[in-house]
PDBML (XML) file of the C-alpha atoms, coordinates in Angstrom:
<?xml version="1.0" encoding="UTF-8" ?>
<PDBx:datablock datablockName="MODEL"
   xmlns:PDBx="http://pdbml.pdb.org/schema/pdbx-v50.xsd"
   xmlns:xsi="http://www.w3.org/2001/XMLSchema-instance"
   xsi:schemaLocation="http://pdbml.pdb.org/schema/pdbx-v50.xsd pdbx-v50.xsd">
   <PDBx:atom_siteCategory>
      <PDBx:atom_site id="1">
         <PDBx:B_iso_or_equiv>0.00</PDBx:B_iso_or_equiv>
         <PDBx:Cartn_x>98.202</PDBx:Cartn_x>
         <PDBx:Cartn_y>90.732</PDBx:Cartn_y>
         <PDBx:Cartn_z>95.968</PDBx:Cartn_z>
         <PDBx:auth_asym_id>A</PDBx:auth_asym_id>
         <PDBx:auth_atom_id>CA</PDBx:auth_atom_id>
         <PDBx:auth_comp_id>UNK</PDBx:auth_comp_id>
         <PDBx:auth_seq_id>1</PDBx:auth_seq_id>
         <PDBx:group_PDB>ATOM</PDBx:group_PDB>
         <PDBx:label_alt_id xsi:nil="true" />
         <PDBx:label_asym_id>A</PDBx:label_asym_id>
         <PDBx:label_atom_id>CA</PDBx:label_atom_id>
         <PDBx:label_comp_id>UNK</PDBx:label_comp_id>
         <PDBx:label_entity_id>1</PDBx:label_entity_id>
         <PDBx:label_seq_id>1</PDBx:label_seq_id>
         <PDBx:occupancy>1.00</PDBx:occupancy>
         <PDBx:pdbx_PDB_model_num>1</PDBx:pdbx_PDB_model_num>
         <PDBx:type_symbol>C</PDBx:type_symbol>
      </PDBx:atom_site>
      <PDBx:atom_site id="2">
         <PDBx:B_iso_or_equiv>0.00</PDBx:B_iso_or_equiv>
         <PDBx:Cartn_x>100.224</PDBx:Cartn_x>
         <PDBx:Cartn_y>93.982</PDBx:Cartn_y>
         <PDBx:Cartn_z>95.467</PDBx:Cartn_z>
         <PDBx:auth_asym_id>A</PDBx:auth_asym_id>
         <PDBx:auth_atom_id>CA</PDBx:auth_atom_id>
         <PDBx:auth_comp_id>UNK</PDBx:auth_comp_id>
         <PDBx:auth_seq_id>2</PDBx:auth_seq_id>
         <PDBx:group_PDB>ATOM</PDBx:group_PDB>
         <PDBx:label_alt_id xsi:nil="true" />
         <PDBx:label_asym_id>A</PDBx:label_asym_id>
         <PDBx:label_atom_id>CA</PDBx:label_atom_id>
         <PDBx:label_comp_id>UNK</PDBx:label_comp_id>
         <PDBx:label_entity_id>1</PDBx:label_entity_id>
         <PDBx:label_seq_id>2</PDBx:label_seq_id>
         <PDBx:occupancy>1.00</PDBx:occupancy>
         <PDBx:pdbx_PDB_model_num>1</PDBx:pdbx_PDB_model_num>
         <PDBx:type_symbol>C</PDBx:type_symbol>
      </PDBx:atom_site>
      <PDBx:atom_site id="3">
         <PDBx:B_iso_or_equiv>0.00</PDBx:B_iso_or_equiv>
         <PDBx:Cartn_x>99.870</PDBx:Cartn_x>
         <PDBx:Cartn_y>96.583</PDBx:Cartn_y>
         <PDBx:Cartn_z>98.198</PDBx:Cartn_z>
         <PDBx:auth_asym_id>A</PDBx:auth_asym_id>
         <PDBx:auth_atom_id>CA</PDBx:auth_atom_id>
         <PDBx:auth_comp_id>UNK</PDBx:auth_comp_id>
         <PDBx:auth_seq_id>3</PDBx:auth_seq_id>
         <PDBx:group_PDB>ATOM</PDBx:group_PDB>
         <PDBx:label_alt_id xsi:nil="true" />
         <PDBx:label_asym_id>A</PDBx:label_asym_id>
         <PDBx:label_atom_id>CA</PDBx:label_atom_id>
         <PDBx:label_comp_id>UNK</PDBx:label_comp_id>
         <PDBx:label_entity_id>1</PDBx:label_entity_id>
         <PDBx:label_seq_id>3</PDBx:label_seq_id>
         <PDBx:occupancy>1.00</PDBx:occupancy>
         <PDBx:pdbx_PDB_model_num>1</PDBx:pdbx_PDB_model_num>
         <PDBx:type_symbol>C</PDBx:type_symbol>
      </PDBx:atom_site>
      <PDBx:atom_site id="4">
         <PDBx:B_iso_or_equiv>0.00</PDBx:B_iso_or_equiv>
         <PDBx:Cartn_x>101.081</PDBx:Cartn_x>
         <PDBx:Cartn_y>100.098</PDBx:Cartn_y>
         <PDBx:Cartn_z>97.227</PDBx:Cartn_z>
         <PDBx:auth_asym_id>A</PDBx:auth_asym_id>
         <PDBx:auth_atom_id>CA</PDBx:auth_atom_id>
         <PDBx:auth_comp_id>UNK</PDBx:auth_comp_id>
         <PDBx:auth_seq_id>4</PDBx:auth_seq_id>
         <PDBx:group_PDB>ATOM</PDBx:group_PDB>
         <PDBx:label_alt_id xsi:nil="true" />
         <PDBx:label_asym_id>A</PDBx:label_asym_id>
         <PDBx:label_atom_id>CA</PDBx:label_atom_id>
         <PDBx:label_comp_id>UNK</PDBx:label_comp_id>
         <PDBx:label_entity_id>1</PDBx:label_entity_id>
         <PDBx:label_seq_id>4</PDBx:label_seq_id>
         <PDBx:occupancy>1.00</PDBx:occupancy>
         <PDBx:pdbx_PDB_model_num>1</PDBx:pdbx_PDB_model_num>
         <PDBx:type_symbol>C</PDBx:type_symbol>
      </PDBx:atom_site>
      <PDBx:atom_site id="5">
         <PDBx:B_iso_or_equiv>0.00</PDBx:B_iso_or_equiv>
         <PDBx:Cartn_x>101.373</PDBx:Cartn_x>
         <PDBx:Cartn_y>102.538</PDBx:Cartn_y>
         <PDBx:Cartn_z>100.226</PDBx:Cartn_z>
         <PDBx:auth_asym_id>A</PDBx:auth_asym_id>
         <PDBx:auth_atom_id>CA</PDBx:auth_atom_id>
         <PDBx:auth_comp_id>UNK</PDBx:auth_comp_id>
         <PDBx:auth_seq_id>5</PDBx:auth_seq_id>
         <PDBx:group_PDB>ATOM</PDBx:group_PDB>
         <PDBx:label_alt_id xsi:nil="true" />
         <PDBx:label_asym_id>A</PDBx:label_asym_id>
         <PDBx:label_atom_id>CA</PDBx:label_atom_id>
         <PDBx:label_comp_id>UNK</PDBx:label_comp_id>
         <PDBx:label_entity_id>1</PDBx:label_entity_id>
         <PDBx:label_seq_id>5</PDBx:label_seq_id>
         <PDBx:occupancy>1.00</PDBx:occupancy>
         <PDBx:pdbx_PDB_model_num>1</PDBx:pdbx_PDB_model_num>
         <PDBx:type_symbol>C</PDBx:type_symbol>
      </PDBx:atom_site>
      <PDBx:atom_site id="6">
         <PDBx:B_iso_or_equiv>0.00</PDBx:B_iso_or_equiv>
         <PDBx:Cartn_x>99.502</PDBx:Cartn_x>
         <PDBx:Cartn_y>100.380</PDBx:Cartn_y>
         <PDBx:Cartn_z>102.647</PDBx:Cartn_z>
         <PDBx:auth_asym_id>A</PDBx:auth_asym_id>
         <PDBx:auth_atom_id>CA</PDBx:auth_atom_id>
         <PDBx:auth_comp_id>UNK</PDBx:auth_comp_id>
         <PDBx:auth_seq_id>6</PDBx:auth_seq_id>
         <PDBx:group_PDB>ATOM</PDBx:group_PDB>
         <PDBx:label_alt_id xsi:nil="true" />
         <PDBx:label_asym_id>A</PDBx:label_asym_id>
         <PDBx:label_atom_id>CA</PDBx:label_atom_id>
         <PDBx:label_comp_id>UNK</PDBx:label_comp_id>
         <PDBx:label_entity_id>1</PDBx:label_entity_id>
         <PDBx:label_seq_id>6</PDBx:label_seq_id>
         <PDBx:occupancy>1.00</PDBx:occupancy>
         <PDBx:pdbx_PDB_model_num>1</PDBx:pdbx_PDB_model_num>
         <PDBx:type_symbol>C</PDBx:type_symbol>
      </PDBx:atom_site>
      <PDBx:atom_site id="7">
         <PDBx:B_iso_or_equiv>0.00</PDBx:B_iso_or_equiv>
         <PDBx:Cartn_x>98.643</PDBx:Cartn_x>
         <PDBx:Cartn_y>100.697</PDBx:Cartn_y>
         <PDBx:Cartn_z>106.259</PDBx:Cartn_z>
         <PDBx:auth_asym_id>A</PDBx:auth_asym_id>
         <PDBx:auth_atom_id>CA</PDBx:auth_atom_id>
         <PDBx:auth_comp_id>UNK</PDBx:auth_comp_id>
         <PDBx:auth_seq_id>7</PDBx:auth_seq_id>
         <PDBx:group_PDB>ATOM</PDBx:group_PDB>
         <PDBx:label_alt_id xsi:nil="true" />
         <PDBx:label_asym_id>A</PDBx:label_asym_id>
         <PDBx:label_atom_id>CA</PDBx:label_atom_id>
         <PDBx:label_comp_id>UNK</PDBx:label_comp_id>
         <PDBx:label_entity_id>1</PDBx:label_entity_id>
         <PDBx:label_seq_id>7</PDBx:label_seq_id>
         <PDBx:occupancy>1.00</PDBx:occupancy>
         <PDBx:pdbx_PDB_model_num>1</PDBx:pdbx_PDB_model_num>
         <PDBx:type_symbol>C</PDBx:type_symbol>
      </PDBx:atom_site>
      <PDBx:atom_site id="8">
         <PDBx:B_iso_or_equiv>0.00</PDBx:B_iso_or_equiv>
         <PDBx:Cartn_x>97.819</PDBx:Cartn_x>
         <PDBx:Cartn_y>98.074</PDBx:Cartn_y>
         <PDBx:Cartn_z>108.998</PDBx:Cartn_z>
         <PDBx:auth_asym_id>A</PDBx:auth_asym_id>
         <PDBx:auth_atom_id>CA</PDBx:auth_atom_id>
         <PDBx:auth_comp_id>UNK</PDBx:auth_comp_id>
         <PDBx:auth_seq_id>8</PDBx:auth_seq_id>
         <PDBx:group_PDB>ATOM</PDBx:group_PDB>
         <PDBx:label_alt_id xsi:nil="true" />
         <PDBx:label_asym_id>A</PDBx:label_asym_id>
         <PDBx:label_atom_id>CA</PDBx:label_atom_id>
         <PDBx:label_comp_id>UNK</PDBx:label_comp_id>
         <PDBx:label_entity_id>1</PDBx:label_entity_id>
         <PDBx:label_seq_id>8</PDBx:label_seq_id>
         <PDBx:occupancy>1.00</PDBx:occupancy>
         <PDBx:pdbx_PDB_model_num>1</PDBx:pdbx_PDB_model_num>
         <PDBx:type_symbol>C</PDBx:type_symbol>
      </PDBx:atom_site>
      <PDBx:atom_site id="9">
         <PDBx:B_iso_or_equiv>0.00</PDBx:B_iso_or_equiv>
         <PDBx:Cartn_x>94.251</PDBx:Cartn_x>
         <PDBx:Cartn_y>99.133</PDBx:Cartn_y>
         <PDBx:Cartn_z>109.635</PDBx:Cartn_z>
         <PDBx:auth_asym_id>A</PDBx:auth_asym_id>
         <PDBx:auth_atom_id>CA</PDBx:auth_atom_id>
         <PDBx:auth_comp_id>UNK</PDBx:auth_comp_id>
         <PDBx:auth_seq_id>9</PDBx:auth_seq_id>
         <PDBx:group_PDB>ATOM</PDBx:group_PDB>
         <PDBx:label_alt_id xsi:nil="true" />
         <PDBx:label_asym_id>A</PDBx:label_asym_id>
         <PDBx:label_atom_id>CA</PDBx:label_atom_id>
         <PDBx:label_comp_id>UNK</PDBx:label_comp_id>
         <PDBx:label_entity_id>1</PDBx:label_entity_id>
         <PDBx:label_seq_id>9</PDBx:label_seq_id>
         <PDBx:occupancy>1.00</PDBx:occupancy>
         <PDBx:pdbx_PDB_model_num>1</PDBx:pdbx_PDB_model_num>
         <PDBx:type_symbol>C</PDBx:type_symbol>
      </PDBx:atom_site>
      <PDBx:atom_site id="10">
         <PDBx:B_iso_or_equiv>0.00</PDBx:B_iso_or_equiv>
         <PDBx:Cartn_x>92.322</PDBx:Cartn_x>
         <PDBx:Cartn_y>102.163</PDBx:Cartn_y>
         <PDBx:Cartn_z>109.023</PDBx:Cartn_z>
         <PDBx:auth_asym_id>A</PDBx:auth_asym_id>
         <PDBx:auth_atom_id>CA</PDBx:auth_atom_id>
         <PDBx:auth_comp_id>UNK</PDBx:auth_comp_id>
         <PDBx:auth_seq_id>10</PDBx:auth_seq_id>
         <PDBx:group_PDB>ATOM</PDBx:group_PDB>
         <PDBx:label_alt_id xsi:nil="true" />
         <PDBx:label_asym_id>A</PDBx:label_asym_id>
         <PDBx:label_atom_id>CA</PDBx:label_atom_id>
         <PDBx:label_comp_id>UNK</PDBx:label_comp_id>
         <PDBx:label_entity_id>1</PDBx:label_entity_id>
         <PDBx:label_seq_id>10</PDBx:label_seq_id>
         <PDBx:occupancy>1.00</PDBx:occupancy>
         <PDBx:pdbx_PDB_model_num>1</PDBx:pdbx_PDB_model_num>
         <PDBx:type_symbol>C</PDBx:type_symbol>
      </PDBx:atom_site>
      <PDBx:atom_site id="11">
         <PDBx:B_iso_or_equiv>0.00</PDBx:B_iso_or_equiv>
         <PDBx:Cartn_x>92.536</PDBx:Cartn_x>
         <PDBx:Cartn_y>103.281</PDBx:Cartn_y>
         <PDBx:Cartn_z>112.854</PDBx:Cartn_z>
         <PDBx:auth_asym_id>A</PDBx:auth_asym_id>
         <PDBx:auth_atom_id>CA</PDBx:auth_atom_id>
         <PDBx:auth_comp_id>UNK</PDBx:auth_comp_id>
         <PDBx:auth_seq_id>11</PDBx:auth_seq_id>
         <PDBx:group_PDB>ATOM</PDBx:group_PDB>
         <PDBx:label_alt_id xsi:nil="true" />
         <PDBx:label_asym_id>A</PDBx:label_asym_id>
         <PDBx:label_atom_id>CA</PDBx:label_atom_id>
         <PDBx:label_comp_id>UNK</PDBx:label_comp_id>
         <PDBx:label_entity_id>1</PDBx:label_entity_id>
         <PDBx:label_seq_id>11</PDBx:label_seq_id>
         <PDBx:occupancy>1.00</PDBx:occupancy>
         <PDBx:pdbx_PDB_model_num>1</PDBx:pdbx_PDB_model_num>
         <PDBx:type_symbol>C</PDBx:type_symbol>
      </PDBx:atom_site>
      <PDBx:atom_site id="12">
         <PDBx:B_iso_or_equiv>0.00</PDBx:B_iso_or_equiv>
         <PDBx:Cartn_x>96.320</PDBx:Cartn_x>
         <PDBx:Cartn_y>103.185</PDBx:Cartn_y>
         <PDBx:Cartn_z>112.716</PDBx:Cartn_z>
         <PDBx:auth_asym_id>A</PDBx:auth_asym_id>
         <PDBx:auth_atom_id>CA</PDBx:auth_atom_id>
         <PDBx:auth_comp_id>UNK</PDBx:auth_comp_id>
         <PDBx:auth_seq_id>12</PDBx:auth_seq_id>
         <PDBx:group_PDB>ATOM</PDBx:group_PDB>
         <PDBx:label_alt_id xsi:nil="true" />
         <PDBx:label_asym_id>A</PDBx:label_asym_id>
         <PDBx:label_atom_id>CA</PDBx:label_atom_id>
         <PDBx:label_comp_id>UNK</PDBx:label_comp_id>
         <PDBx:label_entity_id>1</PDBx:label_entity_id>
         <PDBx:label_seq_id>12</PDBx:label_seq_id>
         <PDBx:occupancy>1.00</PDBx:occupancy>
         <PDBx:pdbx_PDB_model_num>1</PDBx:pdbx_PDB_model_num>
         <PDBx:type_symbol>C</PDBx:type_symbol>
      </PDBx:atom_site>
      <PDBx:atom_site id="13">
         <PDBx:B_iso_or_equiv>0.00</PDBx:B_iso_or_equiv>
         <PDBx:Cartn_x>96.290</PDBx:Cartn_x>
         <PDBx:Cartn_y>105.003</PDBx:Cartn_y>
         <PDBx:Cartn_z>109.421</PDBx:Cartn_z>
         <PDBx:auth_asym_id>A</PDBx:auth_asym_id>
         <PDBx:auth_atom_id>CA</PDBx:auth_atom_id>
         <PDBx:auth_comp_id>UNK</PDBx:auth_comp_id>
         <PDBx:auth_seq_id>13</PDBx:auth_seq_id>
         <PDBx:group_PDB>ATOM</PDBx:group_PDB>
         <PDBx:label_alt_id xsi:nil="true" />
         <PDBx:label_asym_id>A</PDBx:label_asym_id>
         <PDBx:label_atom_id>CA</PDBx:label_atom_id>
         <PDBx:label_comp_id>UNK</PDBx:label_comp_id>
         <PDBx:label_entity_id>1</PDBx:label_entity_id>
         <PDBx:label_seq_id>13</PDBx:label_seq_id>
         <PDBx:occupancy>1.00</PDBx:occupancy>
         <PDBx:pdbx_PDB_model_num>1</PDBx:pdbx_PDB_model_num>
         <PDBx:type_symbol>C</PDBx:type_symbol>
      </PDBx:atom_site>
      <PDBx:atom_site id="14">
         <PDBx:B_iso_or_equiv>0.00</PDBx:B_iso_or_equiv>
         <PDBx:Cartn_x>94.050</PDBx:Cartn_x>
         <PDBx:Cartn_y>107.746</PDBx:Cartn_y>
         <PDBx:Cartn_z>110.814</PDBx:Cartn_z>
         <PDBx:auth_asym_id>A</PDBx:auth_asym_id>
         <PDBx:auth_atom_id>CA</PDBx:auth_atom_id>
         <PDBx:auth_comp_id>UNK</PDBx:auth_comp_id>
         <PDBx:auth_seq_id>14</PDBx:auth_seq_id>
         <PDBx:group_PDB>ATOM</PDBx:group_PDB>
         <PDBx:label_alt_id xsi:nil="true" />
         <PDBx:label_asym_id>A</PDBx:label_asym_id>
         <PDBx:label_atom_id>CA</PDBx:label_atom_id>
         <PDBx:label_comp_id>UNK</PDBx:label_comp_id>
         <PDBx:label_entity_id>1</PDBx:label_entity_id>
         <PDBx:label_seq_id>14</PDBx:label_seq_id>
         <PDBx:occupancy>1.00</PDBx:occupancy>
         <PDBx:pdbx_PDB_model_num>1</PDBx:pdbx_PDB_model_num>
         <PDBx:type_symbol>C</PDBx:type_symbol>
      </PDBx:atom_site>
      <PDBx:atom_site id="15">
         <PDBx:B_iso_or_equiv>0.00</PDBx:B_iso_or_equiv>
         <PDBx:Cartn_x>95.987</PDBx:Cartn_x>
         <PDBx:Cartn_y>108.062</PDBx:Cartn_y>
         <PDBx:Cartn_z>113.992</PDBx:Cartn_z>
         <PDBx:auth_asym_id>A</PDBx:auth_asym_id>
         <PDBx:auth_atom_id>CA</PDBx:auth_atom_id>
         <PDBx:auth_comp_id>UNK</PDBx:auth_comp_id>
         <PDBx:auth_seq_id>15</PDBx:auth_seq_id>
         <PDBx:group_PDB>ATOM</PDBx:group_PDB>
         <PDBx:label_alt_id xsi:nil="true" />
         <PDBx:label_asym_id>A</PDBx:label_asym_id>
         <PDBx:label_atom_id>CA</PDBx:label_atom_id>
         <PDBx:label_comp_id>UNK</PDBx:label_comp_id>
         <PDBx:label_entity_id>1</PDBx:label_entity_id>
         <PDBx:label_seq_id>15</PDBx:label_seq_id>
         <PDBx:occupancy>1.00</PDBx:occupancy>
         <PDBx:pdbx_PDB_model_num>1</PDBx:pdbx_PDB_model_num>
         <PDBx:type_symbol>C</PDBx:type_symbol>
      </PDBx:atom_site>
      <PDBx:atom_site id="16">
         <PDBx:B_iso_or_equiv>0.00</PDBx:B_iso_or_equiv>
         <PDBx:Cartn_x>99.216</PDBx:Cartn_x>
         <PDBx:Cartn_y>108.365</PDBx:Cartn_y>
         <PDBx:Cartn_z>111.975</PDBx:Cartn_z>
         <PDBx:auth_asym_id>A</PDBx:auth_asym_id>
         <PDBx:auth_atom_id>CA</PDBx:auth_atom_id>
         <PDBx:auth_comp_id>UNK</PDBx:auth_comp_id>
         <PDBx:auth_seq_id>16</PDBx:auth_seq_id>
         <PDBx:group_PDB>ATOM</PDBx:group_PDB>
         <PDBx:label_alt_id xsi:nil="true" />
         <PDBx:label_asym_id>A</PDBx:label_asym_id>
         <PDBx:label_atom_id>CA</PDBx:label_atom_id>
         <PDBx:label_comp_id>UNK</PDBx:label_comp_id>
         <PDBx:label_entity_id>1</PDBx:label_entity_id>
         <PDBx:label_seq_id>16</PDBx:label_seq_id>
         <PDBx:occupancy>1.00</PDBx:occupancy>
         <PDBx:pdbx_PDB_model_num>1</PDBx:pdbx_PDB_model_num>
         <PDBx:type_symbol>C</PDBx:type_symbol>
      </PDBx:atom_site>
      <PDBx:atom_site id="17">
         <PDBx:B_iso_or_equiv>0.00</PDBx:B_iso_or_equiv>
         <PDBx:Cartn_x>98.589</PDBx:Cartn_x>
         <PDBx:Cartn_y>110.366</PDBx:Cartn_y>
         <PDBx:Cartn_z>108.830</PDBx:Cartn_z>
         <PDBx:auth_asym_id>A</PDBx:auth_asym_id>
         <PDBx:auth_atom_id>CA</PDBx:auth_atom_id>
         <PDBx:auth_comp_id>UNK</PDBx:auth_comp_id>
         <PDBx:auth_seq_id>17</PDBx:auth_seq_id>
         <PDBx:group_PDB>ATOM</PDBx:group_PDB>
         <PDBx:label_alt_id xsi:nil="true" />
         <PDBx:label_asym_id>A</PDBx:label_asym_id>
         <PDBx:label_atom_id>CA</PDBx:label_atom_id>
         <PDBx:label_comp_id>UNK</PDBx:label_comp_id>
         <PDBx:label_entity_id>1</PDBx:label_entity_id>
         <PDBx:label_seq_id>17</PDBx:label_seq_id>
         <PDBx:occupancy>1.00</PDBx:occupancy>
         <PDBx:pdbx_PDB_model_num>1</PDBx:pdbx_PDB_model_num>
         <PDBx:type_symbol>C</PDBx:type_symbol>
      </PDBx:atom_site>
      <PDBx:atom_site id="18">
         <PDBx:B_iso_or_equiv>0.00</PDBx:B_iso_or_equiv>
         <PDBx:Cartn_x>100.127</PDBx:Cartn_x>
         <PDBx:Cartn_y>113.852</PDBx:Cartn_y>
         <PDBx:Cartn_z>109.034</PDBx:Cartn_z>
         <PDBx:auth_asym_id>A</PDBx:auth_asym_id>
         <PDBx:auth_atom_id>CA</PDBx:auth_atom_id>
         <PDBx:auth_comp_id>UNK</PDBx:auth_comp_id>
         <PDBx:auth_seq_id>18</PDBx:auth_seq_id>
         <PDBx:group_PDB>ATOM</PDBx:group_PDB>
         <PDBx:label_alt_id xsi:nil="true" />
         <PDBx:label_asym_id>A</PDBx:label_asym_id>
         <PDBx:label_atom_id>CA</PDBx:label_atom_id>
         <PDBx:label_comp_id>UNK</PDBx:label_comp_id>
         <PDBx:label_entity_id>1</PDBx:label_entity_id>
         <PDBx:label_seq_id>18</PDBx:label_seq_id>
         <PDBx:occupancy>1.00</PDBx:occupancy>
         <PDBx:pdbx_PDB_model_num>1</PDBx:pdbx_PDB_model_num>
         <PDBx:type_symbol>C</PDBx:type_symbol>
      </PDBx:atom_site>
      <PDBx:atom_site id="19">
         <PDBx:B_iso_or_equiv>0.00</PDBx:B_iso_or_equiv>
         <PDBx:Cartn_x>96.849</PDBx:Cartn_x>
         <PDBx:Cartn_y>115.736</PDBx:Cartn_y>
         <PDBx:Cartn_z>108.642</PDBx:Cartn_z>
         <PDBx:auth_asym_id>A</PDBx:auth_asym_id>
         <PDBx:auth_atom_id>CA</PDBx:auth_atom_id>
         <PDBx:auth_comp_id>UNK</PDBx:auth_comp_id>
         <PDBx:auth_seq_id>19</PDBx:auth_seq_id>
         <PDBx:group_PDB>ATOM</PDBx:group_PDB>
         <PDBx:label_alt_id xsi:nil="true" />
         <PDBx:label_asym_id>A</PDBx:label_asym_id>
         <PDBx:label_atom_id>CA</PDBx:label_atom_id>
         <PDBx:label_comp_id>UNK</PDBx:label_comp_id>
         <PDBx:label_entity_id>1</PDBx:label_entity_id>
         <PDBx:label_seq_id>19</PDBx:label_seq_id>
         <PDBx:occupancy>1.00</PDBx:occupancy>
         <PDBx:pdbx_PDB_model_num>1</PDBx:pdbx_PDB_model_num>
         <PDBx:type_symbol>C</PDBx:type_symbol>
      </PDBx:atom_site>
      <PDBx:atom_site id="20">
         <PDBx:B_iso_or_equiv>0.00</PDBx:B_iso_or_equiv>
         <PDBx:Cartn_x>95.713</PDBx:Cartn_x>
         <PDBx:Cartn_y>114.624</PDBx:Cartn_y>
         <PDBx:Cartn_z>112.098</PDBx:Cartn_z>
         <PDBx:auth_asym_id>A</PDBx:auth_asym_id>
         <PDBx:auth_atom_id>CA</PDBx:auth_atom_id>
         <PDBx:auth_comp_id>UNK</PDBx:auth_comp_id>
         <PDBx:auth_seq_id>20</PDBx:auth_seq_id>
         <PDBx:group_PDB>ATOM</PDBx:group_PDB>
         <PDBx:label_alt_id xsi:nil="true" />
         <PDBx:label_asym_id>A</PDBx:label_asym_id>
         <PDBx:label_atom_id>CA</PDBx:label_atom_id>
         <PDBx:label_comp_id>UNK</PDBx:label_comp_id>
         <PDBx:label_entity_id>1</PDBx:label_entity_id>
         <PDBx:label_seq_id>20</PDBx:label_seq_id>
         <PDBx:occupancy>1.00</PDBx:occupancy>
         <PDBx:pdbx_PDB_model_num>1</PDBx:pdbx_PDB_model_num>
         <PDBx:type_symbol>C</PDBx:type_symbol>
      </PDBx:atom_site>
      <PDBx:atom_site id="21">
         <PDBx:B_iso_or_equiv>0.00</PDBx:B_iso_or_equiv>
         <PDBx:Cartn_x>98.878</PDBx:Cartn_x>
         <PDBx:Cartn_y>115.577</PDBx:Cartn_y>
         <PDBx:Cartn_z>113.970</PDBx:Cartn_z>
         <PDBx:auth_asym_id>A</PDBx:auth_asym_id>
         <PDBx:auth_atom_id>CA</PDBx:auth_atom_id>
         <PDBx:auth_comp_id>UNK</PDBx:auth_comp_id>
         <PDBx:auth_seq_id>21</PDBx:auth_seq_id>
         <PDBx:group_PDB>ATOM</PDBx:group_PDB>
         <PDBx:label_alt_id xsi:nil="true" />
         <PDBx:label_asym_id>A</PDBx:label_asym_id>
         <PDBx:label_atom_id>CA</PDBx:label_atom_id>
         <PDBx:label_comp_id>UNK</PDBx:label_comp_id>
         <PDBx:label_entity_id>1</PDBx:label_entity_id>
         <PDBx:label_seq_id>21</PDBx:label_seq_id>
         <PDBx:occupancy>1.00</PDBx:occupancy>
         <PDBx:pdbx_PDB_model_num>1</PDBx:pdbx_PDB_model_num>
         <PDBx:type_symbol>C</PDBx:type_symbol>
      </PDBx:atom_site>
      <PDBx:atom_site id="22">
         <PDBx:B_iso_or_equiv>0.00</PDBx:B_iso_or_equiv>
         <PDBx:Cartn_x>97.498</PDBx:Cartn_x>
         <PDBx:Cartn_y>118.859</PDBx:Cartn_y>
         <PDBx:Cartn_z>115.180</PDBx:Cartn_z>
         <PDBx:auth_asym_id>A</PDBx:auth_asym_id>
         <PDBx:auth_atom_id>CA</PDBx:auth_atom_id>
         <PDBx:auth_comp_id>UNK</PDBx:auth_comp_id>
         <PDBx:auth_seq_id>22</PDBx:auth_seq_id>
         <PDBx:group_PDB>ATOM</PDBx:group_PDB>
         <PDBx:label_alt_id xsi:nil="true" />
         <PDBx:label_asym_id>A</PDBx:label_asym_id>
         <PDBx:label_atom_id>CA</PDBx:label_atom_id>
         <PDBx:label_comp_id>UNK</PDBx:label_comp_id>
         <PDBx:label_entity_id>1</PDBx:label_entity_id>
         <PDBx:label_seq_id>22</PDBx:label_seq_id>
         <PDBx:occupancy>1.00</PDBx:occupancy>
         <PDBx:pdbx_PDB_model_num>1</PDBx:pdbx_PDB_model_num>
         <PDBx:type_symbol>C</PDBx:type_symbol>
      </PDBx:atom_site>
      <PDBx:atom_site id="23">
         <PDBx:B_iso_or_equiv>0.00</PDBx:B_iso_or_equiv>
         <PDBx:Cartn_x>94.390</PDBx:Cartn_x>
         <PDBx:Cartn_y>117.178</PDBx:Cartn_y>
         <PDBx:Cartn_z>116.445</PDBx:Cartn_z>
         <PDBx:auth_asym_id>A</PDBx:auth_asym_id>
         <PDBx:auth_atom_id>CA</PDBx:auth_atom_id>
         <PDBx:auth_comp_id>UNK</PDBx:auth_comp_id>
         <PDBx:auth_seq_id>23</PDBx:auth_seq_id>
         <PDBx:group_PDB>ATOM</PDBx:group_PDB>
         <PDBx:label_alt_id xsi:nil="true" />
         <PDBx:label_asym_id>A</PDBx:label_asym_id>
         <PDBx:label_atom_id>CA</PDBx:label_atom_id>
         <PDBx:label_comp_id>UNK</PDBx:label_comp_id>
         <PDBx:label_entity_id>1</PDBx:label_entity_id>
         <PDBx:label_seq_id>23</PDBx:label_seq_id>
         <PDBx:occupancy>1.00</PDBx:occupancy>
         <PDBx:pdbx_PDB_model_num>1</PDBx:pdbx_PDB_model_num>
         <PDBx:type_symbol>C</PDBx:type_symbol>
      </PDBx:atom_site>
      <PDBx:atom_site id="24">
         <PDBx:B_iso_or_equiv>0.00</PDBx:B_iso_or_equiv>
         <PDBx:Cartn_x>96.129</PDBx:Cartn_x>
         <PDBx:Cartn_y>114.282</PDBx:Cartn_y>
         <PDBx:Cartn_z>118.279</PDBx:Cartn_z>
         <PDBx:auth_asym_id>A</PDBx:auth_asym_id>
         <PDBx:auth_atom_id>CA</PDBx:auth_atom_id>
         <PDBx:auth_comp_id>UNK</PDBx:auth_comp_id>
         <PDBx:auth_seq_id>24</PDBx:auth_seq_id>
         <PDBx:group_PDB>ATOM</PDBx:group_PDB>
         <PDBx:label_alt_id xsi:nil="true" />
         <PDBx:label_asym_id>A</PDBx:label_asym_id>
         <PDBx:label_atom_id>CA</PDBx:label_atom_id>
         <PDBx:label_comp_id>UNK</PDBx:label_comp_id>
         <PDBx:label_entity_id>1</PDBx:label_entity_id>
         <PDBx:label_seq_id>24</PDBx:label_seq_id>
         <PDBx:occupancy>1.00</PDBx:occupancy>
         <PDBx:pdbx_PDB_model_num>1</PDBx:pdbx_PDB_model_num>
         <PDBx:type_symbol>C</PDBx:type_symbol>
      </PDBx:atom_site>
   </PDBx:atom_siteCategory>
</PDBx:datablock>
């Protein structure tokens, strides 16, 4: 299995992606 630009789980990804920064 090769994982390119992975995250731990979708909740962590959504909480950390830059686009959500202003809304956090």
